[in-house]
Amino acid sequence: VIFHVTDKAILEGTEVLGRLNWDKRLRNMQNHSGEHILSGLIHAKYG
């Protein structure tokens, strides 16, 4: 179950529109994919 930690309450049953902070998400995706490539190269060379 995914929980969203928020600054305000919203009543159960309410329909909501969600909008991501895309700049932060994209940064995280770039970091994660870049780390995979680097980790893979190092693992292939040294284990």
All heavy atoms as atom14 arrays in JSON, in Angstrom:
{
  "sequence": "VIFHVTDKAILEGTEVLGRLNWDKRLRNMQNHSGEHILSGLIHAKYG",
  "atom14_mask": [
    [1, 1, 1, 1, 1, 1, 1, 0, 0, 0, 0, 0, 0, 0],
    [1, 1, 1, 1, 1, 1, 1, 1, 0, 0, 0, 0, 0, 0],
    [1, 1, 1, 1, 1, 1, 1, 1, 1, 1, 1, 0, 0, 0],
    [1, 1, 1, 1, 1, 1, 1, 1, 1, 1, 0, 0, 0, 0],
    [1, 1, 1, 1, 1, 1, 1, 0, 0, 0, 0, 0, 0, 0],
    [1, 1, 1, 1, 1, 1, 1, 0, 0, 0, 0, 0, 0, 0],
    [1, 1, 1, 1, 1, 1, 1, 1, 0, 0, 0, 0, 0, 0],
    [1, 1, 1, 1, 1, 1, 1, 1, 1, 0, 0, 0, 0, 0],
    [1, 1, 1, 1, 1, 0, 0, 0, 0, 0, 0, 0, 0, 0],
    [1, 1, 1, 1, 1, 1, 1, 1, 0, 0, 0, 0, 0, 0],
    [1, 1, 1, 1, 1, 1, 1, 1, 0, 0, 0, 0, 0, 0],
    [1, 1, 1, 1, 1, 1, 1, 1, 1, 0, 0, 0, 0, 0],
    [1, 1, 1, 1, 0, 0, 0, 0, 0, 0, 0, 0, 0, 0],
    [1, 1, 1, 1, 1, 1, 1, 0, 0, 0, 0, 0, 0, 0],
    [1, 1, 1, 1, 1, 1, 1, 1, 1, 0, 0, 0, 0, 0],
    [1, 1, 1, 1, 1, 1, 1, 0, 0, 0, 0, 0, 0, 0],
    [1, 1, 1, 1, 1, 1, 1, 1, 0, 0, 0, 0, 0, 0],
    [1, 1, 1, 1, 0, 0, 0, 0, 0, 0, 0, 0, 0, 0],
    [1, 1, 1, 1, 1, 1, 1, 1, 1, 1, 1, 0, 0, 0],
    [1, 1, 1, 1, 1, 1, 1, 1, 0, 0, 0, 0, 0, 0],
    [1, 1, 1, 1, 1, 1, 1, 1, 0, 0, 0, 0, 0, 0],
    [1, 1, 1, 1, 1, 1, 1, 1, 1, 1, 1, 1, 1, 1],
    [1, 1, 1, 1, 1, 1, 1, 1, 0, 0, 0, 0, 0, 0],
    [1, 1, 1, 1, 1, 1, 1, 1, 1, 0, 0, 0, 0, 0],
    [1, 1, 1, 1, 1, 1, 1, 1, 1, 1, 1, 0, 0, 0],
    [1, 1, 1, 1, 1, 1, 1, 1, 0, 0, 0, 0, 0, 0],
    [1, 1, 1, 1, 1, 1, 1, 1, 1, 1, 1, 0, 0, 0],
    [1, 1, 1, 1, 1, 1, 1, 1, 0, 0, 0, 0, 0, 0],
    [1, 1, 1, 1, 1, 1, 1, 1, 0, 0, 0, 0, 0, 0],
    [1, 1, 1, 1, 1, 1, 1, 1, 1, 0, 0, 0, 0, 0],
    [1, 1, 1, 1, 1, 1, 1, 1, 0, 0, 0, 0, 0, 0],
    [1, 1, 1, 1, 1, 1, 1, 1, 1, 1, 0, 0, 0, 0],
    [1, 1, 1, 1, 1, 1, 0, 0, 0, 0, 0, 0, 0, 0],
    [1, 1, 1, 1, 0, 0, 0, 0, 0, 0, 0, 0, 0, 0],
    [1, 1, 1, 1, 1, 1, 1, 1, 1, 0, 0, 0, 0, 0],
    [1, 1, 1, 1, 1, 1, 1, 1, 1, 1, 0, 0, 0, 0],
    [1, 1, 1, 1, 1, 1, 1, 1, 0, 0, 0, 0, 0, 0],
    [1, 1, 1, 1, 1, 1, 1, 1, 0, 0, 0, 0, 0, 0],
    [1, 1, 1, 1, 1, 1, 0, 0, 0, 0, 0, 0, 0, 0],
    [1, 1, 1, 1, 0, 0, 0, 0, 0, 0, 0, 0, 0, 0],
    [1, 1, 1, 1, 1, 1, 1, 1, 0, 0, 0, 0, 0, 0],
    [1, 1, 1, 1, 1, 1, 1, 1, 0, 0, 0, 0, 0, 0],
    [1, 1, 1, 1, 1, 1, 1, 1, 1, 1, 0, 0, 0, 0],
    [1, 1, 1, 1, 1, 0, 0, 0, 0, 0, 0, 0, 0, 0],
    [1, 1, 1, 1, 1, 1, 1, 1, 1, 0, 0, 0, 0, 0],
    [1, 1, 1, 1, 1, 1, 1, 1, 1, 1, 1, 1, 0, 0],
    [1, 1, 1, 1, 0, 0, 0, 0, 0, 0, 0, 0, 0, 0]
  ],
  "atom14_positions": [
    [[0.85, -1.19, 0.0], [0.0, 0.0, 0.0], [0.88, 1.24, 0.0], [1.79, 1.37, 0.83], [-0.93, 0.02, 1.22], [-1.75, 1.31, 1.26], [-1.86, -1.19, 1.2], [0.0, 0.0, 0.0], [0.0, 0.0, 0.0], [0.0, 0.0, 0.0], [0.0, 0.0, 0.0], [0.0, 0.0, 0.0], [0.0, 0.0, 0.0], [0.0, 0.0, 0.0]],
    [[0.63, 2.16, -0.93], [1.42, 3.39, -1.04], [0.69, 4.51, -0.3], [-0.51, 4.74, -0.51], [1.63, 3.76, -2.52], [2.48, 2.67, -3.2], [2.31, 5.12, -2.65], [2.68, 2.87, -4.69], [0.0, 0.0, 0.0], [0.0, 0.0, 0.0], [0.0, 0.0, 0.0], [0.0, 0.0, 0.0], [0.0, 0.0, 0.0], [0.0, 0.0, 0.0]],
    [[1.44, 5.19, 0.57], [0.9, 6.3, 1.34], [1.57, 7.6, 0.91], [2.78, 7.65, 0.7], [1.14, 6.09, 2.84], [0.41, 4.91, 3.42], [1.04, 3.69, 3.57], [-0.91, 5.04, 3.8], [0.37, 2.61, 4.1], [-1.6, 3.95, 4.33], [-0.96, 2.73, 4.48], [0.0, 0.0, 0.0], [0.0, 0.0, 0.0], [0.0, 0.0, 0.0]],
    [[0.76, 8.65, 0.8], [1.26, 9.97, 0.45], [1.28, 10.82, 1.72], [0.23, 11.02, 2.35], [0.36, 10.63, -0.6], [0.15, 9.76, -1.82], [-0.68, 8.66, -1.8], [0.7, 9.82, -3.05], [-0.65, 8.09, -3.0], [0.18, 8.76, -3.77], [0.0, 0.0, 0.0], [0.0, 0.0, 0.0], [0.0, 0.0, 0.0], [0.0, 0.0, 0.0]],
    [[2.46, 11.27, 2.13], [2.6, 12.1, 3.32], [2.32, 13.54, 2.91], [3.05, 14.11, 2.08], [4.01, 11.97, 3.93], [4.12, 12.84, 5.18], [4.32, 10.51, 4.25], [0.0, 0.0, 0.0], [0.0, 0.0, 0.0], [0.0, 0.0, 0.0], [0.0, 0.0, 0.0], [0.0, 0.0, 0.0], [0.0, 0.0, 0.0], [0.0, 0.0, 0.0]],
    [[1.25, 14.13, 3.47], [0.8, 15.45, 3.01], [0.74, 16.46, 4.16], [0.81, 16.09, 5.34], [-0.59, 15.35, 2.36], [-1.56, 14.99, 3.38], [-0.62, 14.31, 1.26], [0.0, 0.0, 0.0], [0.0, 0.0, 0.0], [0.0, 0.0, 0.0], [0.0, 0.0, 0.0], [0.0, 0.0, 0.0], [0.0, 0.0, 0.0], [0.0, 0.0, 0.0]],
    [[0.58, 17.73, 3.78], [0.48, 18.79, 4.79], [-0.95, 19.06, 5.21], [-1.2, 19.77, 6.18], [1.13, 20.07, 4.27], [0.43, 20.64, 3.03], [-0.32, 19.89, 2.36], [0.64, 21.83, 2.72], [0.0, 0.0, 0.0], [0.0, 0.0, 0.0], [0.0, 0.0, 0.0], [0.0, 0.0, 0.0], [0.0, 0.0, 0.0], [0.0, 0.0, 0.0]],
    [[-1.94, 18.51, 4.47], [-3.35, 18.73, 4.8], [-4.11, 17.42, 4.62], [-3.67, 16.51, 3.91], [-3.96, 19.8, 3.89], [-3.3, 21.16, 3.97], [-3.89, 22.09, 2.91], [-3.13, 23.41, 2.85], [-3.6, 24.24, 1.72], [0.0, 0.0, 0.0], [0.0, 0.0, 0.0], [0.0, 0.0, 0.0], [0.0, 0.0, 0.0], [0.0, 0.0, 0.0]],
    [[-5.28, 17.37, 5.24], [-6.14, 16.19, 5.13], [-7.05, 16.3, 3.91], [-7.36, 17.41, 3.44], [-6.98, 16.04, 6.39], [0.0, 0.0, 0.0], [0.0, 0.0, 0.0], [0.0, 0.0, 0.0], [0.0, 0.0, 0.0], [0.0, 0.0, 0.0], [0.0, 0.0, 0.0], [0.0, 0.0, 0.0], [0.0, 0.0, 0.0], [0.0, 0.0, 0.0]],
    [[-7.47, 15.16, 3.38], [-8.48, 15.09, 2.33], [-9.49, 14.02, 2.73], [-9.11, 12.92, 3.14], [-7.87, 14.74, 0.95], [-6.77, 15.74, 0.57], [-8.95, 14.74, -0.13], [-6.09, 15.42, -0.76], [0.0, 0.0, 0.0], [0.0, 0.0, 0.0], [0.0, 0.0, 0.0], [0.0, 0.0, 0.0], [0.0, 0.0, 0.0], [0.0, 0.0, 0.0]],
    [[-10.77, 14.33, 2.61], [-11.81, 13.4, 3.04], [-11.8, 12.12, 2.21], [-11.57, 12.15, 1.0], [-13.18, 14.06, 2.93], [-13.48, 15.19, 3.93], [-14.84, 15.82, 3.61], [-13.44, 14.66, 5.36], [0.0, 0.0, 0.0], [0.0, 0.0, 0.0], [0.0, 0.0, 0.0], [0.0, 0.0, 0.0], [0.0, 0.0, 0.0], [0.0, 0.0, 0.0]],
    [[-12.04, 11.01, 2.89], [-12.15, 9.72, 2.21], [-13.24, 9.78, 1.15], [-14.31, 10.36, 1.38], [-12.47, 8.64, 3.25], [-12.54, 7.24, 2.68], [-12.81, 6.21, 3.76], [-12.32, 6.38, 4.9], [-13.53, 5.23, 3.46], [0.0, 0.0, 0.0], [0.0, 0.0, 0.0], [0.0, 0.0, 0.0], [0.0, 0.0, 0.0], [0.0, 0.0, 0.0]],
    [[-12.98, 9.2, 0.0], [-13.95, 9.19, -1.09], [-13.79, 10.36, -2.06], [-14.42, 10.36, -3.12], [0.0, 0.0, 0.0], [0.0, 0.0, 0.0], [0.0, 0.0, 0.0], [0.0, 0.0, 0.0], [0.0, 0.0, 0.0], [0.0, 0.0, 0.0], [0.0, 0.0, 0.0], [0.0, 0.0, 0.0], [0.0, 0.0, 0.0], [0.0, 0.0, 0.0]],
    [[-12.95, 11.33, -1.72], [-12.77, 12.5, -2.59], [-11.98, 12.12, -3.85], [-10.98, 11.41, -3.77], [-12.01, 13.62, -1.84], [-12.74, 13.98, -0.67], [-11.82, 14.85, -2.72], [0.0, 0.0, 0.0], [0.0, 0.0, 0.0], [0.0, 0.0, 0.0], [0.0, 0.0, 0.0], [0.0, 0.0, 0.0], [0.0, 0.0, 0.0], [0.0, 0.0, 0.0]],
    [[-12.44, 12.6, -5.0], [-11.68, 12.45, -6.23], [-10.59, 13.52, -6.25], [-10.83, 14.69, -5.92], [-12.6, 12.63, -7.45], [-13.71, 11.6, -7.55], [-13.21, 10.28, -8.09], [-12.12, 10.26, -8.71], [-13.89, 9.25, -7.9], [0.0, 0.0, 0.0], [0.0, 0.0, 0.0], [0.0, 0.0, 0.0], [0.0, 0.0, 0.0], [0.0, 0.0, 0.0]],
    [[-9.38, 13.13, -6.61], [-8.27, 14.09, -6.62], [-7.53, 14.02, -7.95], [-7.52, 13.0, -8.64], [-7.26, 13.82, -5.48], [-7.91, 14.01, -4.12], [-6.63, 12.45, -5.61], [0.0, 0.0, 0.0], [0.0, 0.0, 0.0], [0.0, 0.0, 0.0], [0.0, 0.0, 0.0], [0.0, 0.0, 0.0], [0.0, 0.0, 0.0], [0.0, 0.0, 0.0]],
    [[-6.93, 15.15, -8.29], [-5.99, 15.21, -9.41], [-4.59, 15.24, -8.83], [-4.27, 16.1, -8.01], [-6.25, 16.46, -10.25], [-5.23, 16.75, -11.37], [-5.33, 15.69, -12.46], [-5.44, 18.14, -11.96], [0.0, 0.0, 0.0], [0.0, 0.0, 0.0], [0.0, 0.0, 0.0], [0.0, 0.0, 0.0], [0.0, 0.0, 0.0], [0.0, 0.0, 0.0]],
    [[-3.75, 14.3, -9.22], [-2.37, 14.26, -8.74], [-1.43, 14.86, -9.76], [-1.59, 14.65, -10.95], [0.0, 0.0, 0.0], [0.0, 0.0, 0.0], [0.0, 0.0, 0.0], [0.0, 0.0, 0.0], [0.0, 0.0, 0.0], [0.0, 0.0, 0.0], [0.0, 0.0, 0.0], [0.0, 0.0, 0.0], [0.0, 0.0, 0.0], [0.0, 0.0, 0.0]],
    [[-0.44, 15.63, -9.25], [0.55, 16.23, -10.14], [1.93, 16.1, -9.5], [2.17, 16.6, -8.4], [0.22, 17.71, -10.39], [1.12, 18.37, -11.44], [0.59, 19.75, -11.79], [0.74, 20.68, -10.68], [0.2, 21.9, -10.65], [-0.55, 22.31, -11.68], [0.39, 22.7, -9.62], [0.0, 0.0, 0.0], [0.0, 0.0, 0.0], [0.0, 0.0, 0.0]],
    [[2.82, 15.4, -10.19], [4.16, 15.16, -9.66], [5.04, 16.4, -9.79], [4.85, 17.22, -10.69], [4.85, 14.03, -10.42], [4.66, 12.6, -9.91], [3.22, 12.16, -10.09], [5.62, 11.65, -10.63], [0.0, 0.0, 0.0], [0.0, 0.0, 0.0], [0.0, 0.0, 0.0], [0.0, 0.0, 0.0], [0.0, 0.0, 0.0], [0.0, 0.0, 0.0]],
    [[6.01, 16.51, -8.88], [7.13, 17.43, -9.09], [8.04, 16.71, -10.08], [8.9, 15.92, -9.71], [7.85, 17.7, -7.77], [9.01, 18.67, -7.93], [9.65, 18.75, -8.98], [9.31, 19.41, -6.87], [0.0, 0.0, 0.0], [0.0, 0.0, 0.0], [0.0, 0.0, 0.0], [0.0, 0.0, 0.0], [0.0, 0.0, 0.0], [0.0, 0.0, 0.0]],
    [[7.83, 17.01, -11.37], [8.48, 16.23, -12.41], [9.99, 16.47, -12.47], [10.76, 15.57, -12.8], [7.85, 16.51, -13.77], [8.45, 15.68, -14.85], [9.21, 16.1, -15.9], [8.38, 14.25, -14.97], [9.61, 15.04, -16.67], [9.12, 13.88, -16.12], [7.77, 13.24, -14.22], [9.26, 12.56, -16.54], [7.92, 11.93, -14.63], [8.65, 11.6, -15.78]],
    [[10.42, 17.68, -12.15], [11.86, 17.96, -12.17], [12.6, 17.03, -11.21], [13.67, 16.49, -11.55], [12.13, 19.42, -11.8], [11.74, 20.37, -12.92], [11.57, 19.91, -14.07], [11.61, 21.59, -12.64], [0.0, 0.0, 0.0], [0.0, 0.0, 0.0], [0.0, 0.0, 0.0], [0.0, 0.0, 0.0], [0.0, 0.0, 0.0], [0.0, 0.0, 0.0]],
    [[12.03, 16.84, -10.01], [12.68, 15.95, -9.03], [12.6, 14.5, -9.48], [13.57, 13.75, -9.34], [12.03, 16.12, -7.66], [12.48, 17.36, -6.91], [12.1, 17.29, -5.44], [12.73, 18.45, -4.67], [12.49, 18.36, -3.23], [0.0, 0.0, 0.0], [0.0, 0.0, 0.0], [0.0, 0.0, 0.0], [0.0, 0.0, 0.0], [0.0, 0.0, 0.0]],
    [[11.45, 14.09, -10.01], [11.32, 12.7, -10.45], [12.29, 12.41, -11.58], [12.98, 11.37, -11.6], [9.89, 12.43, -10.9], [9.76, 11.21, -11.82], [10.1, 9.89, -11.14], [8.91, 9.39, -10.51], [7.89, 8.84, -11.18], [7.95, 8.69, -12.49], [6.84, 8.44, -10.52], [0.0, 0.0, 0.0], [0.0, 0.0, 0.0], [0.0, 0.0, 0.0]],
    [[12.38, 13.32, -12.58], [13.29, 13.1, -13.69], [14.72, 13.02, -13.2], [15.5, 12.17, -13.66], [13.15, 14.22, -14.72], [14.09, 14.15, -15.93], [13.89, 12.84, -16.69], [13.89, 15.35, -16.84], [0.0, 0.0, 0.0], [0.0, 0.0, 0.0], [0.0, 0.0, 0.0], [0.0, 0.0, 0.0], [0.0, 0.0, 0.0], [0.0, 0.0, 0.0]],
    [[15.08, 13.89, -12.24], [16.43, 13.85, -11.65], [16.68, 12.48, -11.03], [17.75, 11.89, -11.22], [16.57, 14.95, -10.61], [17.89, 14.96, -9.85], [17.88, 16.1, -8.83], [19.15, 16.19, -8.12], [19.41, 15.57, -6.98], [18.48, 14.8, -6.41], [20.58, 15.72, -6.39], [0.0, 0.0, 0.0], [0.0, 0.0, 0.0], [0.0, 0.0, 0.0]],
    [[15.7, 11.96, -10.28], [15.86, 10.64, -9.65], [16.0, 9.53, -10.69], [16.79, 8.6, -10.51], [14.67, 10.36, -8.74], [14.63, 11.25, -7.51], [15.63, 11.86, -7.15], [13.47, 11.35, -6.88], [0.0, 0.0, 0.0], [0.0, 0.0, 0.0], [0.0, 0.0, 0.0], [0.0, 0.0, 0.0], [0.0, 0.0, 0.0], [0.0, 0.0, 0.0]],
    [[15.24, 9.62, -11.77], [15.31, 8.6, -12.82], [16.67, 8.63, -13.52], [17.27, 7.59, -13.79], [14.18, 8.82, -13.83], [12.79, 8.53, -13.27], [11.44, 9.27, -14.23], [11.63, 8.46, -15.81], [0.0, 0.0, 0.0], [0.0, 0.0, 0.0], [0.0, 0.0, 0.0], [0.0, 0.0, 0.0], [0.0, 0.0, 0.0], [0.0, 0.0, 0.0]],
    [[17.16, 9.83, -13.81], [18.48, 9.96, -14.43], [19.56, 9.41, -13.5], [20.47, 8.68, -13.94], [18.76, 11.43, -14.76], [17.9, 11.98, -15.88], [18.03, 13.49, -16.0], [18.18, 14.2, -15.0], [17.96, 13.99, -17.23], [0.0, 0.0, 0.0], [0.0, 0.0, 0.0], [0.0, 0.0, 0.0], [0.0, 0.0, 0.0], [0.0, 0.0, 0.0]],
    [[19.47, 9.76, -12.23], [20.45, 9.27, -11.26], [20.42, 7.75, -11.18], [21.47, 7.1, -11.16], [20.15, 9.85, -9.88], [20.51, 11.32, -9.76], [21.36, 11.81, -10.49], [19.88, 12.01, -8.83], [0.0, 0.0, 0.0], [0.0, 0.0, 0.0], [0.0, 0.0, 0.0], [0.0, 0.0, 0.0], [0.0, 0.0, 0.0], [0.0, 0.0, 0.0]],
    [[19.22, 7.19, -11.13], [19.09, 5.75, -10.94], [19.62, 4.98, -12.16], [20.36, 4.0, -12.03], [17.63, 5.38, -10.68], [17.47, 4.18, -9.82], [16.39, 3.97, -8.99], [18.27, 3.1, -9.64], [16.52, 2.81, -8.35], [17.66, 2.26, -8.74], [0.0, 0.0, 0.0], [0.0, 0.0, 0.0], [0.0, 0.0, 0.0], [0.0, 0.0, 0.0]],
    [[19.26, 5.45, -13.35], [19.72, 4.77, -14.56], [21.23, 4.93, -14.74], [21.93, 3.99, -15.13], [18.99, 5.33, -15.79], [17.6, 5.1, -15.69], [0.0, 0.0, 0.0], [0.0, 0.0, 0.0], [0.0, 0.0, 0.0], [0.0, 0.0, 0.0], [0.0, 0.0, 0.0], [0.0, 0.0, 0.0], [0.0, 0.0, 0.0], [0.0, 0.0, 0.0]],
    [[21.76, 6.12, -14.43], [23.2, 6.34, -14.51], [23.95, 5.45, -13.54], [25.01, 4.88, -13.88], [0.0, 0.0, 0.0], [0.0, 0.0, 0.0], [0.0, 0.0, 0.0], [0.0, 0.0, 0.0], [0.0, 0.0, 0.0], [0.0, 0.0, 0.0], [0.0, 0.0, 0.0], [0.0, 0.0, 0.0], [0.0, 0.0, 0.0], [0.0, 0.0, 0.0]],
    [[23.41, 5.3, -12.34], [24.04, 4.43, -11.34], [24.07, 2.99, -11.81], [25.04, 2.27, -11.6], [23.29, 4.55, -10.02], [23.75, 3.6, -8.94], [23.01, 2.26, -8.97], [21.78, 2.28, -9.15], [23.67, 1.21, -8.82], [0.0, 0.0, 0.0], [0.0, 0.0, 0.0], [0.0, 0.0, 0.0], [0.0, 0.0, 0.0], [0.0, 0.0, 0.0]],
    [[22.99, 2.52, -12.46], [22.95, 1.15, -12.96], [24.07, 0.9, -13.97], [24.74, -0.15, -13.92], [21.59, 0.86, -13.62], [20.58, 0.32, -12.66], [19.86, -0.83, -12.88], [20.16, 0.78, -11.45], [19.03, -1.05, -11.87], [19.2, -0.07, -10.99], [0.0, 0.0, 0.0], [0.0, 0.0, 0.0], [0.0, 0.0, 0.0], [0.0, 0.0, 0.0]],
    [[24.25, 1.84, -14.89], [25.3, 1.65, -15.91], [26.67, 1.59, -15.24], [27.49, 0.7, -15.53], [25.27, 2.78, -16.95], [23.93, 2.81, -17.67], [26.4, 2.6, -17.96], [23.74, 4.01, -18.58], [0.0, 0.0, 0.0], [0.0, 0.0, 0.0], [0.0, 0.0, 0.0], [0.0, 0.0, 0.0], [0.0, 0.0, 0.0], [0.0, 0.0, 0.0]],
    [[26.94, 2.51, -14.31], [28.24, 2.54, -13.63], [28.43, 1.27, -12.8], [29.5, 0.64, -12.87], [28.33, 3.77, -12.72], [29.61, 3.9, -11.89], [30.83, 3.98, -12.79], [29.52, 5.12, -10.98], [0.0, 0.0, 0.0], [0.0, 0.0, 0.0], [0.0, 0.0, 0.0], [0.0, 0.0, 0.0], [0.0, 0.0, 0.0], [0.0, 0.0, 0.0]],
    [[27.42, 0.87, -12.05], [27.53, -0.35, -11.23], [27.76, -1.57, -12.1], [28.54, -2.47, -11.75], [26.27, -0.54, -10.39], [26.15, 0.48, -9.41], [0.0, 0.0, 0.0], [0.0, 0.0, 0.0], [0.0, 0.0, 0.0], [0.0, 0.0, 0.0], [0.0, 0.0, 0.0], [0.0, 0.0, 0.0], [0.0, 0.0, 0.0], [0.0, 0.0, 0.0]],
    [[27.07, -1.62, -13.26], [27.24, -2.75, -14.17], [28.65, -2.84, -14.73], [29.23, -3.93, -14.82], [0.0, 0.0, 0.0], [0.0, 0.0, 0.0], [0.0, 0.0, 0.0], [0.0, 0.0, 0.0], [0.0, 0.0, 0.0], [0.0, 0.0, 0.0], [0.0, 0.0, 0.0], [0.0, 0.0, 0.0], [0.0, 0.0, 0.0], [0.0, 0.0, 0.0]],
    [[29.23, -1.69, -15.09], [30.59, -1.67, -15.62], [31.6, -2.13, -14.57], [32.51, -2.93, -14.86], [30.94, -0.25, -16.09], [30.28, 0.2, -17.39], [30.43, 1.71, -17.56], [30.89, -0.53, -18.59], [0.0, 0.0, 0.0], [0.0, 0.0, 0.0], [0.0, 0.0, 0.0], [0.0, 0.0, 0.0], [0.0, 0.0, 0.0], [0.0, 0.0, 0.0]],
    [[31.44, -1.63, -13.34], [32.37, -2.01, -12.28], [32.21, -3.48, -11.91], [33.19, -4.2, -11.68], [32.16, -1.1, -11.04], [32.53, 0.35, -11.39], [32.99, -1.59, -9.85], [32.21, 1.36, -10.3], [0.0, 0.0, 0.0], [0.0, 0.0, 0.0], [0.0, 0.0, 0.0], [0.0, 0.0, 0.0], [0.0, 0.0, 0.0], [0.0, 0.0, 0.0]],
    [[30.96, -3.94, -11.88], [30.71, -5.35, -11.56], [31.31, -6.27, -12.63], [31.89, -7.32, -12.31], [29.21, -5.6, -11.45], [28.86, -7.0, -11.06], [28.96, -7.46, -9.76], [28.41, -8.05, -11.79], [28.59, -8.73, -9.71], [28.26, -9.12, -10.93], [0.0, 0.0, 0.0], [0.0, 0.0, 0.0], [0.0, 0.0, 0.0], [0.0, 0.0, 0.0]],
    [[31.2, -5.86, -13.89], [31.74, -6.67, -14.98], [33.26, -6.76, -14.92], [33.84, -7.8, -15.22], [31.31, -6.08, -16.33], [0.0, 0.0, 0.0], [0.0, 0.0, 0.0], [0.0, 0.0, 0.0], [0.0, 0.0, 0.0], [0.0, 0.0, 0.0], [0.0, 0.0, 0.0], [0.0, 0.0, 0.0], [0.0, 0.0, 0.0], [0.0, 0.0, 0.0]],
    [[33.91, -5.69, -14.48], [35.37, -5.68, -14.44], [35.92, -6.33, -13.18], [36.91, -7.07, -13.23], [35.89, -4.25, -14.56], [37.41, -4.16, -14.6], [37.89, -2.75, -14.91], [39.42, -2.71, -15.01], [39.92, -1.36, -15.36], [0.0, 0.0, 0.0], [0.0, 0.0, 0.0], [0.0, 0.0, 0.0], [0.0, 0.0, 0.0], [0.0, 0.0, 0.0]],
    [[35.3, -6.06, -12.03], [35.86, -6.52, -10.76], [34.98, -7.49, -9.98], [35.44, -8.1, -9.0], [36.15, -5.31, -9.87], [37.26, -4.42, -10.37], [36.99, -3.13, -10.81], [38.58, -4.87, -10.4], [38.01, -2.29, -11.27], [39.6, -4.06, -10.86], [39.31, -2.77, -11.29], [40.31, -1.97, -11.75], [0.0, 0.0, 0.0], [0.0, 0.0, 0.0]],
    [[33.71, -7.58, -10.34], [32.8, -8.43, -9.57], [32.3, -7.78, -8.29], [31.64, -8.44, -7.48], [0.0, 0.0, 0.0], [0.0, 0.0, 0.0], [0.0, 0.0, 0.0], [0.0, 0.0, 0.0], [0.0, 0.0, 0.0], [0.0, 0.0, 0.0], [0.0, 0.0, 0.0], [0.0, 0.0, 0.0], [0.0, 0.0, 0.0], [0.0, 0.0, 0.0]]
  ]
}
